Amino acid sequence: MNHSIPKEVFTFFKKLEKNNDRDWFNEHKPEFKAIEAKMKTSYNYLGELMNVHDQIEKIKIFRIYRDVRFSKNKLPYKTHFSGSYARKKPELRGGYYVHIQPNNESFIATGFWDPSKEDLLRIRKEFEMDDSEMRDILNDEAFKSTWGDFTGEELKTAPKGFNKEHPSIDLIRKKQFIFVKKYTDSEVLADDFITNVNKAFIDVKPFFNYMSDVLTTNLNGETIL
């Protein structure tokens, strides 16, 4: 079975960008459903590959319909495919995300998008106490060449209760802990794309192992599970 990303996905979304309305979409719905079925096969195949080296609890493939109730953008349809992979809770923390969009806008992401208040404080306290393990991960050549550095939101200054002169303040002030890797259209359509994504997710493992350990223990290293 072919598990690669079908090239029709980009062709369809480019047409949808120009015709983002219900009449056009309903007329082309059979075409979309055929592409969607192939995309689900690709996303689920990636999930199988990931389960060899991780424990994926849930794969969620997002619908094409946009929730326009609270958005200024009233276009009814997304012009991308996306899906997320949740790790087995509570012992394994963090998640994965795959976003397929034409015009070289595709990317994969991994990490912590929206840590709870408790988790964020625990991570910050860890960095305050000792950031050496995190620095080793970020500076590792293999990790760096795949993922680069953190992206995501951060405070302009120190969070409440932390010293703005602390040597780890660059890590402590972060609100999200995300890594992003971008892909061109030709890279996405290559036969080895799913394999490459899986390899990138394997490379993020030291980060997830470290963060899972932090978030399942107290500051003395004792388990809280």
Protein backbone atom coordinates (compact mmCIF):
# COMPACT_ATOMS: atom_id res chain seq x y z
CA MET A 1 0.00 0.00 0.00
CA ASN A 2 1.19 3.52 -0.83
CA HIS A 3 1.68 5.54 2.38
CA SER A 4 3.14 8.68 0.80
CA ILE A 5 1.31 12.02 0.72
CA PRO A 6 -0.87 12.17 -2.45
CA LYS A 7 0.11 15.02 -4.79
CA GLU A 8 -3.59 15.79 -5.35
CA VAL A 9 -3.72 17.23 -1.82
CA PHE A 10 -1.77 20.33 -2.90
CA THR A 11 -3.69 20.68 -6.17
CA PHE A 12 -6.99 20.52 -4.31
CA PHE A 13 -6.02 23.04 -1.63
CA LYS A 14 -4.70 25.51 -4.21
CA LYS A 15 -8.11 25.38 -5.93
CA LEU A 16 -9.88 25.68 -2.57
CA GLU A 17 -7.82 28.79 -1.74
CA LYS A 18 -9.41 30.47 -4.76
CA ASN A 19 -12.91 29.05 -4.15
CA ASN A 20 -13.33 28.92 -0.39
CA ASP A 21 -17.12 28.72 -0.28
CA ARG A 22 -19.71 26.07 0.45
CA ASP A 23 -21.09 25.75 -3.10
CA TRP A 24 -17.70 25.01 -4.62
CA PHE A 25 -16.73 22.65 -1.82
CA ASN A 26 -19.98 20.68 -1.95
CA GLU A 27 -19.56 20.29 -5.70
CA HIS A 28 -16.02 18.92 -5.19
CA LYS A 29 -16.73 16.95 -2.03
CA PRO A 30 -16.21 13.48 -3.60
CA GLU A 31 -12.74 14.61 -4.73
CA PHE A 32 -11.97 15.85 -1.22
CA LYS A 33 -13.23 12.64 0.47
CA ALA A 34 -10.95 10.52 -1.77
CA ILE A 35 -7.93 12.69 -0.85
CA GLU A 36 -8.94 12.66 2.84
CA ALA A 37 -9.01 8.84 2.86
CA LYS A 38 -5.45 8.72 1.46
CA MET A 39 -4.27 11.31 3.97
CA LYS A 40 -5.75 9.33 6.87
CA THR A 41 -3.83 6.30 5.63
CA SER A 42 -0.59 8.33 5.69
CA TYR A 43 -1.24 9.77 9.17
CA ASN A 44 -2.17 6.35 10.58
CA TYR A 45 0.90 4.74 8.99
CA LEU A 46 3.08 7.37 10.67
CA GLY A 47 1.35 6.49 13.95
CA GLU A 48 2.30 2.81 13.43
CA LEU A 49 5.95 3.76 12.85
CA MET A 50 5.92 5.97 15.94
CA ASN A 51 4.50 3.22 18.12
CA VAL A 52 7.69 1.23 17.51
CA HIS A 53 9.71 3.82 19.49
CA ASP A 54 6.98 5.55 21.54
CA GLN A 55 3.53 4.86 23.00
CA ILE A 56 0.92 6.84 21.10
CA GLU A 57 -2.35 6.95 23.01
CA LYS A 58 -4.42 8.81 20.43
CA ILE A 59 -4.19 10.05 16.84
CA LYS A 60 -6.46 12.98 16.04
CA ILE A 61 -6.91 14.10 12.43
CA PHE A 62 -8.56 17.51 12.37
CA ARG A 63 -11.59 18.25 10.23
CA ILE A 64 -11.44 20.64 7.27
CA TYR A 65 -14.32 22.76 8.60
CA ARG A 66 -13.24 25.95 10.31
CA ASP A 67 -14.94 27.20 13.50
CA VAL A 68 -15.72 30.74 12.39
CA ARG A 69 -17.88 31.77 15.37
CA PHE A 70 -15.18 33.81 17.12
CA SER A 71 -12.91 34.48 14.15
CA LYS A 72 -12.62 37.54 11.91
CA ASN A 73 -11.72 35.13 9.12
CA LYS A 74 -15.11 33.80 7.98
CA LEU A 75 -13.81 31.45 5.28
CA PRO A 76 -15.54 28.11 5.95
CA TYR A 77 -12.70 25.69 5.12
CA LYS A 78 -9.09 25.17 6.14
CA THR A 79 -6.61 24.92 3.28
CA HIS A 80 -4.38 22.41 5.07
CA PHE A 81 -4.49 18.98 6.67
CA SER A 82 -3.35 18.53 10.25
CA GLY A 83 -3.16 15.83 12.84
CA SER A 84 -1.82 15.34 16.35
CA TYR A 85 -0.35 12.37 18.20
CA ALA A 86 -0.79 12.19 21.98
CA ARG A 87 1.65 10.17 24.09
CA LYS A 88 0.46 7.76 26.80
CA LYS A 89 -0.47 9.71 29.93
CA PRO A 90 0.38 10.26 32.73
CA GLU A 91 3.92 8.89 32.50
CA LEU A 92 4.77 10.08 28.96
CA ARG A 93 4.38 13.81 28.36
CA GLY A 94 4.36 16.01 25.27
CA GLY A 95 2.85 15.59 21.82
CA TYR A 96 3.48 15.63 18.07
CA TYR A 97 1.78 17.58 15.27
CA VAL A 98 1.90 17.22 11.45
CA HIS A 99 0.66 20.07 9.20
CA ILE A 100 0.41 19.64 5.41
CA GLN A 101 -0.19 22.81 3.39
CA PRO A 102 0.74 23.90 -0.16
CA ASN A 103 3.15 26.72 -1.11
CA ASN A 104 5.94 25.31 1.11
CA GLU A 105 3.93 25.94 4.29
CA SER A 106 4.08 22.38 5.64
CA PHE A 107 5.73 21.68 8.98
CA ILE A 108 5.93 19.26 11.87
CA ALA A 109 6.03 20.35 15.49
CA THR A 110 6.62 18.70 18.82
CA GLY A 111 6.82 19.60 22.49
CA PHE A 112 4.48 21.40 24.89
CA TRP A 113 1.98 23.82 23.31
CA ASP A 114 -0.14 24.66 26.32
CA PRO A 115 1.39 23.42 29.59
CA SER A 116 -0.88 23.69 32.63
CA LYS A 117 -0.02 26.27 35.29
CA GLU A 118 1.30 23.49 37.53
CA ASP A 119 3.45 21.92 34.80
CA LEU A 120 4.87 25.29 33.74
CA LEU A 121 5.89 26.11 37.31
CA ARG A 122 7.47 22.66 37.76
CA ILE A 123 9.50 23.07 34.52
CA ARG A 124 10.63 26.57 35.51
CA LYS A 125 11.65 25.39 38.99
CA GLU A 126 13.72 22.62 37.38
CA PHE A 127 15.54 25.12 35.15
CA GLU A 128 16.08 27.39 38.14
CA MET A 129 17.68 24.53 40.04
CA ASP A 130 19.69 22.94 37.21
CA ASP A 131 19.51 23.61 33.46
CA SER A 132 22.55 21.51 32.47
CA GLU A 133 20.60 18.52 31.14
CA MET A 134 18.36 20.76 29.03
CA ARG A 135 21.39 22.64 27.66
CA ASP A 136 23.07 19.33 26.74
CA ILE A 137 19.99 18.28 24.76
CA LEU A 138 19.70 21.65 22.98
CA ASN A 139 23.41 21.68 22.12
CA ASP A 140 23.59 18.10 20.86
CA GLU A 141 24.61 18.21 17.17
CA ALA A 142 22.13 15.55 15.95
CA PHE A 143 19.27 17.18 17.85
CA LYS A 144 20.21 20.68 16.69
CA SER A 145 20.50 19.71 13.02
CA THR A 146 16.98 18.25 13.07
CA TRP A 147 15.12 20.64 15.34
CA GLY A 148 17.16 23.80 15.96
CA ASP A 149 16.08 25.78 19.01
CA PHE A 150 12.82 26.35 20.90
CA THR A 151 10.06 28.41 19.30
CA GLY A 152 6.86 29.61 20.97
CA GLU A 153 5.66 32.31 23.30
CA GLU A 154 7.72 33.69 26.15
CA LEU A 155 7.53 36.47 28.72
CA LYS A 156 9.53 39.65 28.14
CA THR A 157 10.83 39.51 31.70
CA ALA A 158 11.02 37.02 34.58
CA PRO A 159 7.84 35.26 35.74
CA LYS A 160 6.62 36.17 39.22
CA GLY A 161 8.85 34.68 41.92
CA PHE A 162 11.92 34.27 39.68
CA ASN A 163 15.05 36.41 39.50
CA LYS A 164 15.40 38.19 36.16
CA GLU A 165 19.20 37.96 36.53
CA HIS A 166 19.14 34.16 36.83
CA PRO A 167 21.54 32.53 34.30
CA SER A 168 18.68 30.29 33.07
CA ILE A 169 16.19 33.14 32.60
CA ASP A 170 16.10 32.54 28.81
CA LEU A 171 14.54 29.12 29.56
CA ILE A 172 12.55 30.15 32.64
CA ARG A 173 10.59 32.88 30.87
CA LYS A 174 9.27 30.55 28.16
CA LYS A 175 5.53 29.81 28.17
CA GLN A 176 5.74 27.12 25.49
CA PHE A 177 8.39 24.53 24.74
CA ILE A 178 7.99 23.78 21.04
CA PHE A 179 10.26 22.66 18.22
CA VAL A 180 9.24 23.15 14.58
CA LYS A 181 10.68 21.66 11.39
CA LYS A 182 9.55 23.05 8.00
CA TYR A 183 9.20 21.22 4.69
CA THR A 184 8.92 22.26 1.04
CA ASP A 185 6.15 20.88 -1.17
CA SER A 186 8.61 18.63 -3.01
CA GLU A 187 9.93 17.23 0.30
CA VAL A 188 6.36 16.45 1.42
CA LEU A 189 5.57 14.63 -1.84
CA ALA A 190 8.80 12.57 -1.76
CA ASP A 191 8.38 8.83 -1.19
CA ASP A 192 10.43 8.96 2.02
CA PHE A 193 8.57 11.87 3.66
CA ILE A 194 6.74 9.77 6.29
CA THR A 195 9.99 7.94 7.12
CA ASN A 196 11.79 11.28 7.48
CA VAL A 197 9.10 12.64 9.80
CA ASN A 198 9.31 9.51 11.93
CA LYS A 199 13.12 9.89 12.09
CA ALA A 200 12.73 13.52 13.24
CA PHE A 201 10.33 12.37 15.96
CA ILE A 202 12.86 9.74 17.08
CA ASP A 203 15.47 12.51 17.34
CA VAL A 204 13.29 14.47 19.80
CA LYS A 205 13.23 11.54 22.23
CA PRO A 206 15.95 12.83 24.64
CA PHE A 207 13.90 16.01 25.16
CA PHE A 208 10.69 14.07 25.84
CA ASN A 209 12.45 11.64 28.18
CA TYR A 210 13.86 14.55 30.17
CA MET A 211 10.60 16.53 30.32
CA SER A 212 8.55 13.44 31.21
CA ASP A 213 10.96 12.72 34.04
CA VAL A 214 10.68 16.32 35.30
CA LEU A 215 6.87 16.36 35.11
CA THR A 216 6.39 13.03 36.89
CA THR A 217 8.68 13.82 39.85
CA ASN A 218 9.04 16.50 42.52
CA LEU A 219 12.15 18.65 42.92
CA ASN A 220 13.76 15.88 45.01
CA GLY A 221 13.35 13.47 42.08
CA GLU A 222 10.64 11.43 43.83
CA THR A 223 7.81 10.13 41.67
CA ILE A 224 4.43 11.89 41.96
CA LEU A 225 2.50 9.31 39.92
